[in-house]
Amino acid sequence: MKNNNIHGRIILDPNIMVGKPIIRGTRLPVALILKMLGQGIRTEEILHEYPRLEAVDIEAAITYAANVVE
């Protein structure tokens, strides 16, 4: 990943969540964020539900997913 927004925001660690991509500093999988967005949950609602997240974390999750499927 070359995007600095992703680097440092999305991590893969085999010792955390079996190596699934997660938001740095949390145990929130990128997949959960994407599912919430896919269900029509707005970014503001996600940020309210998970106050440790920042909007840039959600953007990084979307960018990460786009890069994976590219």
PDB file of N, CA and C in Angstrom:
ATOM      1  N   MET A   1       0.840  -1.179   0.000  1.00  0.00           N
ATOM      2  CA  MET A   1       0.000   0.000   0.000  1.00  0.00           C
ATOM      3  C   MET A   1       0.887   1.245   0.000  1.00  0.00           C
ATOM      4  N   LYS A   2       0.669   2.097  -0.942  1.00  0.00           N
ATOM      5  CA  LYS A   2       1.481   3.297  -1.031  1.00  0.00           C
ATOM      6  C   LYS A   2       0.797   4.501  -0.408  1.00  0.00           C
ATOM      7  N   ASN A   3      -0.506   4.435  -0.229  1.00  0.00           N
ATOM      8  CA  ASN A   3      -1.264   5.566   0.281  1.00  0.00           C
ATOM      9  C   ASN A   3      -0.969   5.774   1.763  1.00  0.00           C
ATOM     10  N   ASN A   4      -0.445   6.958   2.123  1.00  0.00           N
ATOM     11  CA  ASN A   4      -0.122   7.249   3.514  1.00  0.00           C
ATOM     12  C   ASN A   4      -1.351   7.259   4.401  1.00  0.00           C
ATOM     13  N   ASN A   5      -2.509   7.536   3.822  1.00  0.00           N
ATOM     14  CA  ASN A   5      -3.745   7.509   4.583  1.00  0.00           C
ATOM     15  C   ASN A   5      -3.998   6.106   5.117  1.00  0.00           C
ATOM     16  N   ILE A   6      -3.659   5.125   4.322  1.00  0.00           N
ATOM     17  CA  ILE A   6      -3.848   3.734   4.733  1.00  0.00           C
ATOM     18  C   ILE A   6      -2.711   3.311   5.647  1.00  0.00           C
ATOM     19  N   HIS A   7      -1.497   3.610   5.216  1.00  0.00           N
ATOM     20  CA  HIS A   7      -0.331   3.227   5.999  1.00  0.00           C
ATOM     21  C   HIS A   7      -0.408   3.903   7.364  1.00  0.00           C
ATOM     22  N   GLY A   8      -0.448   3.121   8.392  1.00  0.00           N
ATOM     23  CA  GLY A   8      -0.550   3.681   9.730  1.00  0.00           C
ATOM     24  C   GLY A   8      -1.975   3.711  10.251  1.00  0.00           C
ATOM     25  N   ARG A   9      -2.953   3.601   9.398  1.00  0.00           N
ATOM     26  CA  ARG A   9      -4.367   3.588   9.813  1.00  0.00           C
ATOM     27  C   ARG A   9      -4.927   2.181   9.803  1.00  0.00           C
ATOM     28  N   ILE A  10      -4.566   1.410   8.809  1.00  0.00           N
ATOM     29  CA  ILE A  10      -5.029   0.035   8.669  1.00  0.00           C
ATOM     30  C   ILE A  10      -3.836  -0.876   8.925  1.00  0.00           C
ATOM     31  N   ILE A  11      -3.996  -1.793   9.858  1.00  0.00           N
ATOM     32  CA  ILE A  11      -2.891  -2.700  10.152  1.00  0.00           C
ATOM     33  C   ILE A  11      -3.345  -4.150  10.022  1.00  0.00           C
ATOM     34  N   LEU A  12      -2.377  -4.994   9.728  1.00  0.00           N
ATOM     35  CA  LEU A  12      -2.589  -6.439   9.691  1.00  0.00           C
ATOM     36  C   LEU A  12      -1.554  -7.047  10.622  1.00  0.00           C
ATOM     37  N   ASP A  13      -2.023  -7.653  11.681  1.00  0.00           N
ATOM     38  CA  ASP A  13      -1.137  -8.248  12.675  1.00  0.00           C
ATOM     39  C   ASP A  13      -1.672  -9.641  12.983  1.00  0.00           C
ATOM     40  N   PRO A  14      -0.873 -10.673  12.743  1.00  0.00           N
ATOM     41  CA  PRO A  14      -1.367 -12.030  12.973  1.00  0.00           C
ATOM     42  C   PRO A  14      -1.795 -12.283  14.418  1.00  0.00           C
ATOM     43  N   ASN A  15      -1.353 -11.449  15.339  1.00  0.00           N
ATOM     44  CA  ASN A  15      -1.713 -11.610  16.748  1.00  0.00           C
ATOM     45  C   ASN A  15      -3.000 -10.881  17.126  1.00  0.00           C
ATOM     46  N   ILE A  16      -3.552 -10.117  16.193  1.00  0.00           N
ATOM     47  CA  ILE A  16      -4.789  -9.373  16.457  1.00  0.00           C
ATOM     48  C   ILE A  16      -5.816  -9.771  15.408  1.00  0.00           C
ATOM     49  N   MET A  17      -6.943 -10.270  15.848  1.00  0.00           N
ATOM     50  CA  MET A  17      -8.048 -10.646  14.956  1.00  0.00           C
ATOM     51  C   MET A  17      -7.583 -11.580  13.835  1.00  0.00           C
ATOM     52  N   VAL A  18      -6.675 -12.483  14.175  1.00  0.00           N
ATOM     53  CA  VAL A  18      -6.173 -13.498  13.246  1.00  0.00           C
ATOM     54  C   VAL A  18      -5.600 -12.873  11.967  1.00  0.00           C
ATOM     55  N   GLY A  19      -5.045 -11.680  12.085  1.00  0.00           N
ATOM     56  CA  GLY A  19      -4.399 -11.051  10.945  1.00  0.00           C
ATOM     57  C   GLY A  19      -5.311 -10.322   9.986  1.00  0.00           C
ATOM     58  N   LYS A  20      -6.595 -10.220  10.327  1.00  0.00           N
ATOM     59  CA  LYS A  20      -7.512  -9.480   9.454  1.00  0.00           C
ATOM     60  C   LYS A  20      -7.176  -7.994   9.525  1.00  0.00           C
ATOM     61  N   PRO A  21      -7.421  -7.248   8.444  1.00  0.00           N
ATOM     62  CA  PRO A  21      -7.143  -5.810   8.488  1.00  0.00           C
ATOM     63  C   PRO A  21      -8.070  -5.125   9.494  1.00  0.00           C
ATOM     64  N   ILE A  22      -7.455  -4.351  10.382  1.00  0.00           N
ATOM     65  CA  ILE A  22      -8.208  -3.628  11.406  1.00  0.00           C
ATOM     66  C   ILE A  22      -7.797  -2.165  11.420  1.00  0.00           C
ATOM     67  N   ILE A  23      -8.615  -1.363  12.075  1.00  0.00           N
ATOM     68  CA  ILE A  23      -8.286   0.044  12.283  1.00  0.00           C
ATOM     69  C   ILE A  23      -7.267   0.119  13.416  1.00  0.00           C
ATOM     70  N   ARG A  24      -6.182   0.807  13.180  1.00  0.00           N
ATOM     71  CA  ARG A  24      -5.106   0.963  14.164  1.00  0.00           C
ATOM     72  C   ARG A  24      -5.666   1.397  15.520  1.00  0.00           C
ATOM     73  N   GLY A  25      -5.160   0.806  16.582  1.00  0.00           N
ATOM     74  CA  GLY A  25      -5.545   1.184  17.933  1.00  0.00           C
ATOM     75  C   GLY A  25      -6.889   0.628  18.378  1.00  0.00           C
ATOM     76  N   THR A  26      -7.477  -0.217  17.539  1.00  0.00           N
ATOM     77  CA  THR A  26      -8.765  -0.828  17.872  1.00  0.00           C
ATOM     78  C   THR A  26      -8.704  -2.299  17.501  1.00  0.00           C
ATOM     79  N   ARG A  27      -9.775  -2.982  17.748  1.00  0.00           N
ATOM     80  CA  ARG A  27      -9.933  -4.348  17.260  1.00  0.00           C
ATOM     81  C   ARG A  27     -11.070  -4.374  16.245  1.00  0.00           C
ATOM     82  N   LEU A  28     -11.318  -3.239  15.624  1.00  0.00           N
ATOM     83  CA  LEU A  28     -12.402  -3.126  14.647  1.00  0.00           C
ATOM     84  C   LEU A  28     -11.914  -3.534  13.264  1.00  0.00           C
ATOM     85  N   PRO A  29     -12.455  -4.617  12.739  1.00  0.00           N
ATOM     86  CA  PRO A  29     -12.063  -5.037  11.395  1.00  0.00           C
ATOM     87  C   PRO A  29     -12.568  -4.064  10.328  1.00  0.00           C
ATOM     88  N   VAL A  30     -11.770  -3.907   9.307  1.00  0.00           N
ATOM     89  CA  VAL A  30     -12.177  -3.100   8.156  1.00  0.00           C
ATOM     90  C   VAL A  30     -13.504  -3.624   7.618  1.00  0.00           C
ATOM     91  N   ALA A  31     -13.673  -4.940   7.608  1.00  0.00           N
ATOM     92  CA  ALA A  31     -14.906  -5.542   7.089  1.00  0.00           C
ATOM     93  C   ALA A  31     -16.140  -5.043   7.841  1.00  0.00           C
ATOM     94  N   LEU A  32     -16.032  -4.847   9.143  1.00  0.00           N
ATOM     95  CA  LEU A  32     -17.172  -4.358   9.922  1.00  0.00           C
ATOM     96  C   LEU A  32     -17.548  -2.945   9.489  1.00  0.00           C
ATOM     97  N   ILE A  33     -16.551  -2.094   9.312  1.00  0.00           N
ATOM     98  CA  ILE A  33     -16.808  -0.721   8.865  1.00  0.00           C
ATOM     99  C   ILE A  33     -17.488  -0.748   7.501  1.00  0.00           C
ATOM    100  N   LEU A  34     -16.982  -1.576   6.602  1.00  0.00           N
ATOM    101  CA  LEU A  34     -17.558  -1.659   5.258  1.00  0.00           C
ATOM    102  C   LEU A  34     -18.983  -2.194   5.293  1.00  0.00           C
ATOM    103  N   LYS A  35     -19.242  -3.180   6.133  1.00  0.00           N
ATOM    104  CA  LYS A  35     -20.605  -3.709   6.262  1.00  0.00           C
ATOM    105  C   LYS A  35     -21.559  -2.637   6.759  1.00  0.00           C
ATOM    106  N   MET A  36     -21.115  -1.868   7.741  1.00  0.00           N
ATOM    107  CA  MET A  36     -21.964  -0.802   8.277  1.00  0.00           C
ATOM    108  C   MET A  36     -22.287   0.221   7.191  1.00  0.00           C
ATOM    109  N   LEU A  37     -21.276   0.611   6.444  1.00  0.00           N
ATOM    110  CA  LEU A  37     -21.502   1.563   5.354  1.00  0.00           C
ATOM    111  C   LEU A  37     -22.439   0.967   4.312  1.00  0.00           C
ATOM    112  N   GLY A  38     -22.258  -0.303   4.009  1.00  0.00           N
ATOM    113  CA  GLY A  38     -23.101  -0.989   3.039  1.00  0.00           C
ATOM    114  C   GLY A  38     -24.549  -1.100   3.484  1.00  0.00           C
ATOM    115  N   GLN A  39     -24.764  -1.088   4.784  1.00  0.00           N
ATOM    116  CA  GLN A  39     -26.117  -1.136   5.335  1.00  0.00           C
ATOM    117  C   GLN A  39     -26.751   0.250   5.394  1.00  0.00           C
ATOM    118  N   GLY A  40     -26.003   1.241   4.920  1.00  0.00           N
ATOM    119  CA  GLY A  40     -26.541   2.597   4.894  1.00  0.00           C
ATOM    120  C   GLY A  40     -26.292   3.398   6.158  1.00  0.00           C
ATOM    121  N   ILE A  41     -25.474   2.873   7.051  1.00  0.00           N
ATOM    122  CA  ILE A  41     -25.146   3.612   8.270  1.00  0.00           C
ATOM    123  C   ILE A  41     -24.171   4.721   7.895  1.00  0.00           C
ATOM    124  N   ARG A  42     -24.511   5.926   8.269  1.00  0.00           N
ATOM    125  CA  ARG A  42     -23.694   7.083   7.895  1.00  0.00           C
ATOM    126  C   ARG A  42     -22.406   7.137   8.711  1.00  0.00           C
ATOM    127  N   THR A  43     -21.406   7.767   8.127  1.00  0.00           N
ATOM    128  CA  THR A  43     -20.115   7.933   8.792  1.00  0.00           C
ATOM    129  C   THR A  43     -20.288   8.546  10.169  1.00  0.00           C
ATOM    130  N   GLU A  44     -21.136   9.553  10.272  1.00  0.00           N
ATOM    131  CA  GLU A  44     -21.349  10.233  11.551  1.00  0.00           C
ATOM    132  C   GLU A  44     -21.875   9.264  12.607  1.00  0.00           C
ATOM    133  N   GLU A  45     -22.745   8.356  12.193  1.00  0.00           N
ATOM    134  CA  GLU A  45     -23.297   7.375  13.132  1.00  0.00           C
ATOM    135  C   GLU A  45     -22.225   6.385  13.585  1.00  0.00           C
ATOM    136  N   ILE A  46     -21.378   5.978  12.654  1.00  0.00           N
ATOM    137  CA  ILE A  46     -20.287   5.066  13.002  1.00  0.00           C
ATOM    138  C   ILE A  46     -19.344   5.745  13.986  1.00  0.00           C
ATOM    139  N   LEU A  47     -19.014   6.992  13.725  1.00  0.00           N
ATOM    140  CA  LEU A  47     -18.116   7.729  14.614  1.00  0.00           C
ATOM    141  C   LEU A  47     -18.733   7.914  15.993  1.00  0.00           C
ATOM    142  N   HIS A  48     -20.036   8.086  16.046  1.00  0.00           N
ATOM    143  CA  HIS A  48     -20.726   8.224  17.338  1.00  0.00           C
ATOM    144  C   HIS A  48     -20.687   6.895  18.103  1.00  0.00           C
ATOM    145  N   GLU A  49     -20.895   5.797  17.379  1.00  0.00           N
ATOM    146  CA  GLU A  49     -20.908   4.460  17.991  1.00  0.00           C
ATOM    147  C   GLU A  49     -19.511   4.035  18.450  1.00  0.00           C
ATOM    148  N   TYR A  50     -18.500   4.460  17.713  1.00  0.00           N
ATOM    149  CA  TYR A  50     -17.107   4.104  18.008  1.00  0.00           C
ATOM    150  C   TYR A  50     -16.287   5.387  18.142  1.00  0.00           C
ATOM    151  N   PRO A  51     -16.344   6.028  19.299  1.00  0.00           N
ATOM    152  CA  PRO A  51     -15.713   7.348  19.468  1.00  0.00           C
ATOM    153  C   PRO A  51     -14.192   7.367  19.296  1.00  0.00           C
ATOM    154  N   ARG A  52     -13.543   6.217  19.345  1.00  0.00           N
ATOM    155  CA  ARG A  52     -12.087   6.192  19.126  1.00  0.00           C
ATOM    156  C   ARG A  52     -11.731   6.348  17.660  1.00  0.00           C
ATOM    157  N   LEU A  53     -12.712   6.150  16.788  1.00  0.00           N
ATOM    158  CA  LEU A  53     -12.471   6.295  15.352  1.00  0.00           C
ATOM    159  C   LEU A  53     -12.481   7.757  14.945  1.00  0.00           C
ATOM    160  N   GLU A  54     -11.785   8.034  13.861  1.00  0.00           N
ATOM    161  CA  GLU A  54     -11.820   9.344  13.214  1.00  0.00           C
ATOM    162  C   GLU A  54     -12.323   9.130  11.792  1.00  0.00           C
ATOM    163  N   ALA A  55     -12.824  10.185  11.189  1.00  0.00           N
ATOM    164  CA  ALA A  55     -13.337  10.083   9.819  1.00  0.00           C
ATOM    165  C   ALA A  55     -12.269   9.536   8.878  1.00  0.00           C
ATOM    166  N   VAL A  56     -11.029   9.895   9.093  1.00  0.00           N
ATOM    167  CA  VAL A  56      -9.937   9.423   8.233  1.00  0.00           C
ATOM    168  C   VAL A  56      -9.769   7.903   8.341  1.00  0.00           C
ATOM    169  N   ASP A  57     -10.139   7.313   9.475  1.00  0.00           N
ATOM    170  CA  ASP A  57     -10.079   5.856   9.613  1.00  0.00           C
ATOM    171  C   ASP A  57     -11.087   5.191   8.685  1.00  0.00           C
ATOM    172  N   ILE A  58     -12.262   5.769   8.600  1.00  0.00           N
ATOM    173  CA  ILE A  58     -13.298   5.220   7.724  1.00  0.00           C
ATOM    174  C   ILE A  58     -12.887   5.387   6.264  1.00  0.00           C
ATOM    175  N   GLU A  59     -12.328   6.536   5.934  1.00  0.00           N
ATOM    176  CA  GLU A  59     -11.832   6.761   4.575  1.00  0.00           C
ATOM    177  C   GLU A  59     -10.730   5.758   4.237  1.00  0.00           C
ATOM    178  N   ALA A  60      -9.859   5.493   5.202  1.00  0.00           N
ATOM    179  CA  ALA A  60      -8.776   4.534   4.980  1.00  0.00           C
ATOM    180  C   ALA A  60      -9.329   3.131   4.758  1.00  0.00           C
ATOM    181  N   ALA A  61     -10.381   2.769   5.474  1.00  0.00           N
ATOM    182  CA  ALA A  61     -11.000   1.451   5.294  1.00  0.00           C
ATOM    183  C   ALA A  61     -11.565   1.312   3.884  1.00  0.00           C
ATOM    184  N   ILE A  62     -12.213   2.353   3.405  1.00  0.00           N
ATOM    185  CA  ILE A  62     -12.778   2.330   2.050  1.00  0.00           C
ATOM    186  C   ILE A  62     -11.658   2.234   1.015  1.00  0.00           C
ATOM    187  N   THR A  63     -10.622   3.032   1.191  1.00  0.00           N
ATOM    188  CA  THR A  63      -9.497   3.024   0.261  1.00  0.00           C
ATOM    189  C   THR A  63      -8.788   1.675   0.278  1.00  0.00           C
ATOM    190  N   TYR A  64      -8.626   1.114   1.463  1.00  0.00           N
ATOM    191  CA  TYR A  64      -8.007  -0.208   1.580  1.00  0.00           C
ATOM    192  C   TYR A  64      -8.806  -1.236   0.782  1.00  0.00           C
ATOM    193  N   ALA A  65     -10.113  -1.248   0.973  1.00  0.00           N
ATOM    194  CA  ALA A  65     -10.972  -2.207   0.265  1.00  0.00           C
ATOM    195  C   ALA A  65     -10.891  -2.002  -1.244  1.00  0.00           C
ATOM    196  N   ALA A  66     -10.880  -0.758  -1.676  1.00  0.00           N
ATOM    197  CA  ALA A  66     -10.785  -0.472  -3.109  1.00  0.00           C
ATOM    198  C   ALA A  66      -9.470  -0.997  -3.677  1.00  0.00           C
ATOM    199  N   ASN A  67      -8.391  -0.834  -2.935  1.00  0.00           N
ATOM    200  CA  ASN A  67      -7.090  -1.330  -3.391  1.00  0.00           C
ATOM    201  C   ASN A  67      -7.048  -2.851  -3.434  1.00  0.00           C
ATOM    202  N   VAL A  68      -7.721  -3.495  -2.507  1.00  0.00           N
ATOM    203  CA  VAL A  68      -7.730  -4.959  -2.470  1.00  0.00           C
ATOM    204  C   VAL A  68      -8.442  -5.525  -3.694  1.00  0.00           C
ATOM    205  N   VAL A  69      -9.541  -4.915  -4.091  1.00  0.00           N
ATOM    206  CA  VAL A  69     -10.310  -5.454  -5.215  1.00  0.00           C
ATOM    207  C   VAL A  69      -9.803  -4.972  -6.568  1.00  0.00           C
ATOM    208  N   GLU A  70      -8.900  -4.032  -6.561  1.00  0.00           N
ATOM    209  CA  GLU A  70      -8.371  -3.474  -7.809  1.00  0.00           C
ATOM    210  C   GLU A  70      -7.575  -4.469  -8.595  1.00  0.00           C
TER     211      GLU A  70
END
